[in-house]
């Protein structure tokens, strides 16, 4: 997968913002396996919609070659 495909995967919805496209391009050019951390604070019942959308986004990151870590609080 080339860098532009990785950027489009990481940037597609439900992603709301990326610091800059240029920084993302530089990250994928210089790092073969960048790291991504996501933290989820579970208070009360976990909404199924949140779980599904987060899972799809993590899948996009993994397909793009990103090493994902999920923290549950």
PDB file of N, CA and C in Angstrom:
ATOM      1  N   UNK A   1       0.855  -1.175   0.000  1.00  0.00           N
ATOM      2  CA  UNK A   1       0.000   0.000   0.000  1.00  0.00           C
ATOM      3  C   UNK A   1       0.899   1.236   0.000  1.00  0.00           C
ATOM      4  N   UNK A   2       0.614   2.170  -0.893  1.00  0.00           N
ATOM      5  CA  UNK A   2       1.452   3.372  -0.939  1.00  0.00           C
ATOM      6  C   UNK A   2       0.985   4.406   0.087  1.00  0.00           C
ATOM      7  N   UNK A   3       1.777   5.452   0.215  1.00  0.00           N
ATOM      8  CA  UNK A   3       1.552   6.463   1.252  1.00  0.00           C
ATOM      9  C   UNK A   3       0.214   7.179   1.076  1.00  0.00           C
ATOM     10  N   UNK A   4      -0.173   7.482  -0.147  1.00  0.00           N
ATOM     11  CA  UNK A   4      -1.441   8.193  -0.356  1.00  0.00           C
ATOM     12  C   UNK A   4      -2.635   7.338   0.050  1.00  0.00           C
ATOM     13  N   UNK A   5      -2.561   6.032  -0.185  1.00  0.00           N
ATOM     14  CA  UNK A   5      -3.638   5.142   0.251  1.00  0.00           C
ATOM     15  C   UNK A   5      -3.711   5.085   1.774  1.00  0.00           C
ATOM     16  N   UNK A   6      -2.555   5.070   2.429  1.00  0.00           N
ATOM     17  CA  UNK A   6      -2.522   5.062   3.889  1.00  0.00           C
ATOM     18  C   UNK A   6      -3.142   6.336   4.452  1.00  0.00           C
ATOM     19  N   UNK A   7      -2.795   7.471   3.860  1.00  0.00           N
ATOM     20  CA  UNK A   7      -3.336   8.754   4.323  1.00  0.00           C
ATOM     21  C   UNK A   7      -4.848   8.805   4.137  1.00  0.00           C
ATOM     22  N   UNK A   8      -5.345   8.309   3.005  1.00  0.00           N
ATOM     23  CA  UNK A   8      -6.795   8.337   2.791  1.00  0.00           C
ATOM     24  C   UNK A   8      -7.518   7.409   3.765  1.00  0.00           C
ATOM     25  N   UNK A   9      -6.925   6.268   4.107  1.00  0.00           N
ATOM     26  CA  UNK A   9      -7.530   5.369   5.097  1.00  0.00           C
ATOM     27  C   UNK A   9      -7.593   6.024   6.473  1.00  0.00           C
ATOM     28  N   UNK A  10      -6.490   6.624   6.894  1.00  0.00           N
ATOM     29  CA  UNK A  10      -6.417   7.233   8.222  1.00  0.00           C
ATOM     30  C   UNK A  10      -7.307   8.471   8.310  1.00  0.00           C
ATOM     31  N   UNK A  11      -7.472   9.189   7.213  1.00  0.00           N
ATOM     32  CA  UNK A  11      -8.212  10.458   7.221  1.00  0.00           C
ATOM     33  C   UNK A  11      -9.705  10.321   6.964  1.00  0.00           C
ATOM     34  N   UNK A  12     -10.148   9.173   6.467  1.00  0.00           N
ATOM     35  CA  UNK A  12     -11.568   9.052   6.106  1.00  0.00           C
ATOM     36  C   UNK A  12     -12.459   9.064   7.351  1.00  0.00           C
ATOM     37  N   UNK A  13     -13.727   9.461   7.177  1.00  0.00           N
ATOM     38  CA  UNK A  13     -14.643   9.495   8.318  1.00  0.00           C
ATOM     39  C   UNK A  13     -14.738   8.137   8.993  1.00  0.00           C
ATOM     40  N   UNK A  14     -14.893   8.104  10.286  1.00  0.00           N
ATOM     41  CA  UNK A  14     -15.290   9.153  11.206  1.00  0.00           C
ATOM     42  C   UNK A  14     -14.151  10.001  11.766  1.00  0.00           C
ATOM     43  N   UNK A  15     -12.960   9.996  11.156  1.00  0.00           N
ATOM     44  CA  UNK A  15     -11.885  10.877  11.611  1.00  0.00           C
ATOM     45  C   UNK A  15     -12.348  12.321  11.479  1.00  0.00           C
ATOM     46  N   UNK A  16     -12.216  13.087  12.545  1.00  0.00           N
ATOM     47  CA  UNK A  16     -12.681  14.468  12.530  1.00  0.00           C
ATOM     48  C   UNK A  16     -11.581  15.452  12.195  1.00  0.00           C
ATOM     49  N   UNK A  17     -10.342  15.146  12.587  1.00  0.00           N
ATOM     50  CA  UNK A  17      -9.264  16.071  12.272  1.00  0.00           C
ATOM     51  C   UNK A  17      -7.932  15.346  12.236  1.00  0.00           C
ATOM     52  N   UNK A  18      -7.046  15.876  11.422  1.00  0.00           N
ATOM     53  CA  UNK A  18      -5.658  15.443  11.342  1.00  0.00           C
ATOM     54  C   UNK A  18      -4.846  16.710  11.535  1.00  0.00           C
ATOM     55  N   UNK A  19      -3.759  16.637  12.298  1.00  0.00           N
ATOM     56  CA  UNK A  19      -2.989  17.857  12.587  1.00  0.00           C
ATOM     57  C   UNK A  19      -2.715  18.587  11.281  1.00  0.00           C
ATOM     58  N   UNK A  20      -1.989  17.994  10.359  1.00  0.00           N
ATOM     59  CA  UNK A  20      -1.868  18.502   8.989  1.00  0.00           C
ATOM     60  C   UNK A  20      -1.620  17.320   8.072  1.00  0.00           C
ATOM     61  N   UNK A  21      -2.051  17.436   6.837  1.00  0.00           N
ATOM     62  CA  UNK A  21      -1.808  16.379   5.856  1.00  0.00           C
ATOM     63  C   UNK A  21      -0.311  16.218   5.601  1.00  0.00           C
ATOM     64  N   UNK A  22       0.426  17.339   5.653  1.00  0.00           N
ATOM     65  CA  UNK A  22       1.868  17.288   5.415  1.00  0.00           C
ATOM     66  C   UNK A  22       2.581  16.477   6.498  1.00  0.00           C
ATOM     67  N   UNK A  23       2.172  16.668   7.764  1.00  0.00           N
ATOM     68  CA  UNK A  23       2.782  15.902   8.854  1.00  0.00           C
ATOM     69  C   UNK A  23       2.451  14.419   8.741  1.00  0.00           C
ATOM     70  N   UNK A  24       1.243  14.121   8.322  1.00  0.00           N
ATOM     71  CA  UNK A  24       0.849  12.728   8.130  1.00  0.00           C
ATOM     72  C   UNK A  24       1.656  12.097   6.993  1.00  0.00           C
ATOM     73  N   UNK A  25       1.854  12.842   5.925  1.00  0.00           N
ATOM     74  CA  UNK A  25       2.668  12.371   4.806  1.00  0.00           C
ATOM     75  C   UNK A  25       4.099  12.104   5.255  1.00  0.00           C
ATOM     76  N   UNK A  26       4.678  13.033   5.999  1.00  0.00           N
ATOM     77  CA  UNK A  26       6.046  12.871   6.499  1.00  0.00           C
ATOM     78  C   UNK A  26       6.145  11.681   7.456  1.00  0.00           C
ATOM     79  N   UNK A  27       5.132  11.494   8.295  1.00  0.00           N
ATOM     80  CA  UNK A  27       5.123  10.369   9.233  1.00  0.00           C
ATOM     81  C   UNK A  27       5.186   9.038   8.491  1.00  0.00           C
ATOM     82  N   UNK A  28       4.342   8.873   7.478  1.00  0.00           N
ATOM     83  CA  UNK A  28       4.328   7.612   6.745  1.00  0.00           C
ATOM     84  C   UNK A  28       5.567   7.424   5.873  1.00  0.00           C
ATOM     85  N   UNK A  29       6.188   8.516   5.442  1.00  0.00           N
ATOM     86  CA  UNK A  29       7.423   8.394   4.656  1.00  0.00           C
ATOM     87  C   UNK A  29       8.608   7.994   5.522  1.00  0.00           C
ATOM     88  N   UNK A  30       8.622   8.433   6.780  1.00  0.00           N
ATOM     89  CA  UNK A  30       9.794   8.207   7.632  1.00  0.00           C
ATOM     90  C   UNK A  30       9.630   7.066   8.628  1.00  0.00           C
ATOM     91  N   UNK A  31       8.412   6.600   8.842  1.00  0.00           N
ATOM     92  CA  UNK A  31       8.178   5.572   9.854  1.00  0.00           C
ATOM     93  C   UNK A  31       7.352   4.448   9.235  1.00  0.00           C
ATOM     94  N   UNK A  32       7.917   3.256   9.178  1.00  0.00           N
ATOM     95  CA  UNK A  32       7.213   2.146   8.537  1.00  0.00           C
ATOM     96  C   UNK A  32       6.063   1.612   9.390  1.00  0.00           C
ATOM     97  N   UNK A  33       6.126   1.800  10.695  1.00  0.00           N
ATOM     98  CA  UNK A  33       5.076   1.290  11.602  1.00  0.00           C
ATOM     99  C   UNK A  33       4.822   2.311  12.711  1.00  0.00           C
ATOM    100  N   UNK A  34       4.165   3.451  12.387  1.00  0.00           N
ATOM    101  CA  UNK A  34       3.895   4.448  13.433  1.00  0.00           C
ATOM    102  C   UNK A  34       2.950   3.896  14.494  1.00  0.00           C
ATOM    103  N   UNK A  35       2.974   4.511  15.664  1.00  0.00           N
ATOM    104  CA  UNK A  35       2.139   4.070  16.782  1.00  0.00           C
ATOM    105  C   UNK A  35       0.950   5.011  16.967  1.00  0.00           C
ATOM    106  N   UNK A  36      -0.167   4.428  17.375  1.00  0.00           N
ATOM    107  CA  UNK A  36      -1.379   5.188  17.640  1.00  0.00           C
ATOM    108  C   UNK A  36      -1.968   4.679  18.947  1.00  0.00           C
ATOM    109  N   UNK A  37      -2.335   5.596  19.802  1.00  0.00           N
ATOM    110  CA  UNK A  37      -2.953   5.243  21.079  1.00  0.00           C
ATOM    111  C   UNK A  37      -4.351   5.836  21.125  1.00  0.00           C
ATOM    112  N   UNK A  38      -5.303   5.054  21.589  1.00  0.00           N
ATOM    113  CA  UNK A  38      -6.658   5.558  21.774  1.00  0.00           C
ATOM    114  C   UNK A  38      -7.090   5.192  23.187  1.00  0.00           C
ATOM    115  N   UNK A  39      -7.648   6.153  23.887  1.00  0.00           N
ATOM    116  CA  UNK A  39      -8.114   5.914  25.247  1.00  0.00           C
ATOM    117  C   UNK A  39      -9.621   6.047  25.323  1.00  0.00           C
ATOM    118  N   UNK A  40     -10.250   5.092  25.963  1.00  0.00           N
ATOM    119  CA  UNK A  40     -11.703   5.103  26.111  1.00  0.00           C
ATOM    120  C   UNK A  40     -12.031   5.013  27.593  1.00  0.00           C
ATOM    121  N   UNK A  41     -12.795   5.984  28.074  1.00  0.00           N
ATOM    122  CA  UNK A  41     -13.221   5.988  29.476  1.00  0.00           C
ATOM    123  C   UNK A  41     -14.653   5.479  29.499  1.00  0.00           C
ATOM    124  N   UNK A  42     -14.841   4.347  30.131  1.00  0.00           N
ATOM    125  CA  UNK A  42     -16.157   3.721  30.157  1.00  0.00           C
ATOM    126  C   UNK A  42     -16.847   4.088  31.468  1.00  0.00           C
ATOM    127  N   UNK A  43     -17.842   4.952  31.365  1.00  0.00           N
ATOM    128  CA  UNK A  43     -18.640   5.288  32.551  1.00  0.00           C
ATOM    129  C   UNK A  43     -20.083   4.932  32.222  1.00  0.00           C
ATOM    130  N   UNK A  44     -20.627   4.035  32.950  1.00  0.00           N
ATOM    131  CA  UNK A  44     -21.977   3.574  32.654  1.00  0.00           C
ATOM    132  C   UNK A  44     -21.952   2.525  31.558  1.00  0.00           C
ATOM    133  N   UNK A  45     -23.030   2.466  30.811  1.00  0.00           N
ATOM    134  CA  UNK A  45     -23.141   1.476  29.754  1.00  0.00           C
ATOM    135  C   UNK A  45     -22.371   1.926  28.520  1.00  0.00           C
ATOM    136  N   UNK A  46     -21.683   0.997  27.891  1.00  0.00           N
ATOM    137  CA  UNK A  46     -20.966   1.283  26.651  1.00  0.00           C
ATOM    138  C   UNK A  46     -21.963   1.231  25.502  1.00  0.00           C
ATOM    139  N   UNK A  47     -22.022   2.287  24.718  1.00  0.00           N
ATOM    140  CA  UNK A  47     -22.948   2.363  23.596  1.00  0.00           C
ATOM    141  C   UNK A  47     -22.402   1.540  22.439  1.00  0.00           C
ATOM    142  N   UNK A  48     -23.228   0.675  21.886  1.00  0.00           N
ATOM    143  CA  UNK A  48     -22.812  -0.207  20.803  1.00  0.00           C
ATOM    144  C   UNK A  48     -22.316   0.579  19.587  1.00  0.00           C
ATOM    145  N   UNK A  49     -22.952   1.708  19.292  1.00  0.00           N
ATOM    146  CA  UNK A  49     -22.531   2.530  18.158  1.00  0.00           C
ATOM    147  C   UNK A  49     -21.121   3.054  18.317  1.00  0.00           C
ATOM    148  N   UNK A  50     -20.766   3.444  19.524  1.00  0.00           N
ATOM    149  CA  UNK A  50     -19.402   3.920  19.789  1.00  0.00           C
ATOM    150  C   UNK A  50     -18.397   2.800  19.589  1.00  0.00           C
ATOM    151  N   UNK A  51     -18.744   1.625  20.056  1.00  0.00           N
ATOM    152  CA  UNK A  51     -17.858   0.474  19.919  1.00  0.00           C
ATOM    153  C   UNK A  51     -17.639   0.116  18.450  1.00  0.00           C
ATOM    154  N   UNK A  52     -18.703   0.133  17.670  1.00  0.00           N
ATOM    155  CA  UNK A  52     -18.595  -0.226  16.256  1.00  0.00           C
ATOM    156  C   UNK A  52     -17.780   0.805  15.492  1.00  0.00           C
ATOM    157  N   UNK A  53     -18.084   2.101  15.665  1.00  0.00           N
ATOM    158  CA  UNK A  53     -17.348   3.128  14.917  1.00  0.00           C
ATOM    159  C   UNK A  53     -15.876   3.158  15.314  1.00  0.00           C
ATOM    160  N   UNK A  54     -15.583   2.966  16.599  1.00  0.00           N
ATOM    161  CA  UNK A  54     -14.190   2.924  17.047  1.00  0.00           C
ATOM    162  C   UNK A  54     -13.484   1.711  16.459  1.00  0.00           C
ATOM    163  N   UNK A  55     -14.165   0.586  16.421  1.00  0.00           N
ATOM    164  CA  UNK A  55     -13.582  -0.626  15.846  1.00  0.00           C
ATOM    165  C   UNK A  55     -13.260  -0.473  14.374  1.00  0.00           C
ATOM    166  N   UNK A  56     -14.164   0.151  13.614  1.00  0.00           N
ATOM    167  CA  UNK A  56     -13.904   0.387  12.196  1.00  0.00           C
ATOM    168  C   UNK A  56     -12.704   1.310  12.001  1.00  0.00           C
ATOM    169  N   UNK A  57     -12.592   2.336  12.849  1.00  0.00           N
ATOM    170  CA  UNK A  57     -11.475   3.273  12.714  1.00  0.00           C
ATOM    171  C   UNK A  57     -10.159   2.598  13.066  1.00  0.00           C
ATOM    172  N   UNK A  58     -10.151   1.788  14.122  1.00  0.00           N
ATOM    173  CA  UNK A  58      -8.934   1.050  14.474  1.00  0.00           C
ATOM    174  C   UNK A  58      -8.542   0.131  13.324  1.00  0.00           C
ATOM    175  N   UNK A  59      -9.521  -0.492  12.687  1.00  0.00           N
ATOM    176  CA  UNK A  59      -9.253  -1.352  11.540  1.00  0.00           C
ATOM    177  C   UNK A  59      -8.601  -0.565  10.403  1.00  0.00           C
ATOM    178  N   UNK A  60      -9.056   0.668  10.157  1.00  0.00           N
ATOM    179  CA  UNK A  60      -8.432   1.518   9.135  1.00  0.00           C
ATOM    180  C   UNK A  60      -6.965   1.774   9.465  1.00  0.00           C
ATOM    181  N   UNK A  61      -6.681   2.083  10.736  1.00  0.00           N
ATOM    182  CA  UNK A  61      -5.300   2.322  11.150  1.00  0.00           C
ATOM    183  C   UNK A  61      -4.443   1.074  10.949  1.00  0.00           C
ATOM    184  N   UNK A  62      -4.961  -0.080  11.328  1.00  0.00           N
ATOM    185  CA  UNK A  62      -4.205  -1.331  11.189  1.00  0.00           C
ATOM    186  C   UNK A  62      -3.939  -1.629   9.716  1.00  0.00           C
ATOM    187  N   UNK A  63      -4.938  -1.428   8.848  1.00  0.00           N
ATOM    188  CA  UNK A  63      -4.751  -1.634   7.409  1.00  0.00           C
ATOM    189  C   UNK A  63      -3.681  -0.707   6.850  1.00  0.00           C
ATOM    190  N   UNK A  64      -3.558   0.495   7.436  1.00  0.00           N
ATOM    191  CA  UNK A  64      -2.562   1.467   6.982  1.00  0.00           C
ATOM    192  C   UNK A  64      -1.179   1.180   7.561  1.00  0.00           C
ATOM    193  N   UNK A  65      -1.055   0.130   8.370  1.00  0.00           N
ATOM    194  CA  UNK A  65       0.244  -0.239   8.918  1.00  0.00           C
ATOM    195  C   UNK A  65       0.589   0.437  10.223  1.00  0.00           C
ATOM    196  N   UNK A  66      -0.414   0.957  10.913  1.00  0.00           N
ATOM    197  CA  UNK A  66      -0.195   1.650  12.179  1.00  0.00           C
ATOM    198  C   UNK A  66      -0.345   0.645  13.321  1.00  0.00           C
ATOM    199  N   UNK A  67       0.549   0.731  14.301  1.00  0.00           N
ATOM    200  CA  UNK A  67       0.493  -0.120  15.489  1.00  0.00           C
ATOM    201  C   UNK A  67      -0.437   0.543  16.502  1.00  0.00           C
ATOM    202  N   UNK A  68      -1.624  -0.034  16.716  1.00  0.00           N
ATOM    203  CA  UNK A  68      -2.638   0.571  17.587  1.00  0.00           C
ATOM    204  C   UNK A  68      -2.648  -0.059  18.970  1.00  0.00           C
ATOM    205  N   UNK A  69      -2.791   0.793  19.973  1.00  0.00           N
ATOM    206  CA  UNK A  69      -2.952   0.361  21.355  1.00  0.00           C
ATOM    207  C   UNK A  69      -4.203   1.028  21.906  1.00  0.00           C
ATOM    208  N   UNK A  70      -5.061   0.241  22.556  1.00  0.00           N
ATOM    209  CA  UNK A  70      -6.301   0.762  23.122  1.00  0.00           C
ATOM    210  C   UNK A  70      -6.211   0.682  24.641  1.00  0.00           C
ATOM    211  N   UNK A  71      -6.445   1.809  25.292  1.00  0.00           N
ATOM    212  CA  UNK A  71      -6.474   1.875  26.751  1.00  0.00           C
ATOM    213  C   UNK A  71      -7.919   2.025  27.205  1.00  0.00           C
ATOM    214  N   UNK A  72      -8.340   1.180  28.123  1.00  0.00           N
ATOM    215  CA  UNK A  72      -9.678   1.282  28.701  1.00  0.00           C
ATOM    216  C   UNK A  72      -9.551   1.758  30.134  1.00  0.00           C
ATOM    217  N   UNK A  73     -10.279   2.818  30.469  1.00  0.00           N
ATOM    218  CA  UNK A  73     -10.214   3.357  31.834  1.00  0.00           C
ATOM    219  C   UNK A  73     -11.513   3.097  32.551  1.00  0.00           C
TER     220      UNK A  73
END
